[in-house]
Amino acid sequence: MHNLDPLRQITPEALAMLGAPDTAYVRPVVANGQRVYGIFGADGSQMAVAPNRDVAFAVVRQNGMDPVSVH
């Protein structure tokens, strides 16, 4: 059996950073009264917005990261 104690002691900050340099999360947001797509880092910080999901994914990929949809 595996000892899970180290995982239970991980800080929220460390958990948020797992996979951080390579992953960006894309989800719908409202900005200036319009539905757009926010691009977020693993730590939850918003990095950019795009007019639609396809553009958001393209922006993420152009910056060498892997996009992930969040609903």
Protein backbone atom coordinates (compact mmCIF):
# COMPACT_ATOMS: atom_id res chain seq x y z
CA MET A 1 0.00 0.00 0.00
CA HIS A 2 1.19 3.54 -0.74
CA ASN A 3 1.82 6.08 1.97
CA LEU A 4 -0.38 9.08 1.07
CA ASP A 5 0.66 11.24 4.03
CA PRO A 6 2.98 13.48 1.94
CA LEU A 7 0.13 14.20 -0.48
CA ARG A 8 -2.23 15.06 2.35
CA GLN A 9 0.28 17.61 3.60
CA ILE A 10 0.73 19.45 0.30
CA THR A 11 -0.06 23.15 0.53
CA PRO A 12 -2.83 24.62 -1.63
CA GLU A 13 -0.18 26.70 -3.42
CA ALA A 14 1.92 23.65 -4.26
CA LEU A 15 -1.16 21.76 -5.42
CA ALA A 16 -2.10 24.64 -7.72
CA MET A 17 1.34 24.61 -9.29
CA LEU A 18 1.27 20.95 -10.37
CA GLY A 19 1.69 21.04 -14.13
CA ALA A 20 1.66 24.84 -14.04
CA PRO A 21 4.29 25.76 -16.60
CA ASP A 22 2.66 23.66 -19.30
CA THR A 23 -1.07 24.00 -18.67
CA ALA A 24 -3.52 26.84 -19.10
CA TYR A 25 -7.18 26.59 -18.19
CA VAL A 26 -9.85 28.06 -20.46
CA ARG A 27 -13.33 28.88 -19.24
CA PRO A 28 -16.17 31.23 -20.14
CA VAL A 29 -16.18 34.57 -18.32
CA VAL A 30 -18.09 37.82 -18.67
CA ALA A 31 -16.07 40.93 -19.47
CA ASN A 32 -17.63 44.29 -20.30
CA GLY A 33 -21.03 42.62 -20.47
CA GLN A 34 -19.94 40.08 -23.09
CA ARG A 35 -19.26 36.36 -22.81
CA VAL A 36 -15.59 35.74 -23.63
CA TYR A 37 -13.10 33.04 -22.71
CA GLY A 38 -10.61 33.60 -19.94
CA ILE A 39 -7.21 31.95 -19.97
CA PHE A 40 -5.93 31.10 -16.50
CA GLY A 41 -2.75 29.73 -15.01
CA ALA A 42 -2.75 26.76 -12.64
CA ASP A 43 -2.62 29.17 -9.70
CA GLY A 44 -5.92 30.71 -10.83
CA SER A 45 -4.48 33.97 -12.11
CA GLN A 46 -6.09 35.24 -15.29
CA MET A 47 -3.52 35.65 -18.05
CA ALA A 48 -5.70 36.76 -20.99
CA VAL A 49 -9.15 36.77 -22.56
CA ALA A 50 -10.18 35.71 -26.04
CA PRO A 51 -13.39 36.30 -27.99
CA ASN A 52 -14.13 32.57 -28.31
CA ARG A 53 -12.92 29.16 -27.19
CA ASP A 54 -11.09 28.33 -30.42
CA VAL A 55 -9.05 31.53 -30.27
CA ALA A 56 -8.31 30.95 -26.58
CA PHE A 57 -6.99 27.44 -27.33
CA ALA A 58 -4.90 28.78 -30.22
CA VAL A 59 -3.37 31.49 -28.01
CA VAL A 60 -2.50 28.93 -25.34
CA ARG A 61 -0.87 26.60 -27.89
CA GLN A 62 1.04 29.47 -29.54
CA ASN A 63 2.59 30.13 -26.14
CA GLY A 64 3.83 26.56 -25.79
CA MET A 65 1.22 25.42 -23.29
CA ASP A 66 -1.54 22.81 -23.28
CA PRO A 67 -5.10 24.14 -23.03
CA VAL A 68 -7.67 22.51 -20.77
CA SER A 69 -11.37 23.39 -20.69
CA VAL A 70 -12.94 24.15 -17.34
CA HIS A 71 -16.72 24.21 -17.06
